[in-house]
Amino acid sequence: MIKLTKLNGENFYLNAIYIEQIQSFPDTTITLTNGKKFVVREDEEDVILLVKEFYRDVHLLGHPRMGENE
């Protein structure tokens, strides 16, 4: 899950696995695989970094480093 901020300042968590696309219109809009959309305060690039970090944490992107945090 990634922590994001709605335009009204409310924080929420989103399961990044369901993100289909991220666009700026100029507000950052996240479209899920079911078609639902979320408009957030975070920049497009920041959301992408959060998604990559999430994928690494759940071992969907890259390989865990041997000997790290054992």
Protein backbone atom coordinates (compact mmCIF):
# COMPACT_ATOMS: atom_id res chain seq x y z
CA MET A 1 0.00 0.00 0.00
CA ILE A 2 1.16 3.54 -0.70
CA LYS A 3 0.14 6.59 1.33
CA LEU A 4 -1.32 9.45 -0.74
CA THR A 5 -3.12 12.74 -0.10
CA LYS A 6 -6.47 13.76 -1.58
CA LEU A 7 -6.89 17.35 -2.76
CA ASN A 8 -8.80 18.14 0.45
CA GLY A 9 -5.74 17.14 2.50
CA GLU A 10 -7.10 13.78 3.66
CA ASN A 11 -4.56 10.93 3.65
CA PHE A 12 -5.45 7.48 2.35
CA TYR A 13 -3.71 4.25 1.39
CA LEU A 14 -3.94 2.76 -2.08
CA ASN A 15 -3.00 -0.75 -3.16
CA ALA A 16 -0.41 0.05 -5.85
CA ILE A 17 -0.92 -3.30 -7.58
CA TYR A 18 -4.19 -2.00 -9.03
CA ILE A 19 -2.73 1.16 -10.61
CA GLU A 20 -3.06 1.13 -14.39
CA GLN A 21 -1.89 4.66 -15.18
CA ILE A 22 -0.72 7.89 -13.59
CA GLN A 23 -1.23 11.22 -15.37
CA SER A 24 -1.05 14.94 -14.66
CA PHE A 25 -3.97 17.05 -15.92
CA PRO A 26 -2.32 19.25 -14.20
CA ASP A 27 -3.43 17.51 -10.98
CA THR A 28 -2.04 13.99 -10.60
CA THR A 29 -4.75 11.51 -11.53
CA ILE A 30 -4.38 7.80 -10.80
CA THR A 31 -6.52 5.36 -12.77
CA LEU A 32 -7.02 1.86 -11.38
CA THR A 33 -7.54 -1.32 -13.38
CA ASN A 34 -11.29 -1.17 -12.56
CA GLY A 35 -11.55 2.37 -14.04
CA LYS A 36 -11.84 4.18 -10.71
CA LYS A 37 -9.86 7.44 -10.56
CA PHE A 38 -8.15 9.25 -7.69
CA VAL A 39 -6.86 12.83 -7.85
CA VAL A 40 -3.98 13.40 -5.43
CA ARG A 41 -1.70 16.21 -4.27
CA GLU A 42 1.54 14.30 -4.90
CA ASP A 43 3.45 14.93 -8.13
CA GLU A 44 3.33 12.25 -10.82
CA GLU A 45 7.03 11.48 -10.31
CA ASP A 46 6.57 11.09 -6.54
CA VAL A 47 3.73 8.61 -7.03
CA ILE A 48 5.89 6.61 -9.44
CA LEU A 49 8.69 6.47 -6.84
CA LEU A 50 6.22 5.31 -4.17
CA VAL A 51 4.93 2.58 -6.49
CA LYS A 52 8.47 1.39 -7.29
CA GLU A 53 9.33 1.32 -3.59
CA PHE A 54 6.16 -0.67 -2.87
CA TYR A 55 7.00 -3.19 -5.62
CA ARG A 56 10.50 -3.60 -4.20
CA ASP A 57 9.11 -4.10 -0.68
CA VAL A 58 6.84 -6.91 -1.85
CA HIS A 59 9.58 -8.33 -4.10
CA LEU A 60 7.78 -7.68 -7.39
CA LEU A 61 10.55 -5.43 -8.68
CA GLY A 62 14.22 -6.21 -8.34
CA HIS A 63 15.76 -8.78 -6.05
CA PRO A 64 16.18 -8.55 -2.29
CA ARG A 65 19.79 -7.94 -1.35
CA MET A 66 21.47 -10.85 0.31
CA GLY A 67 22.67 -10.15 3.84
CA GLU A 68 20.59 -6.99 4.17
CA ASN A 69 18.21 -6.82 7.15
CA GLU A 70 18.54 -10.51 8.00
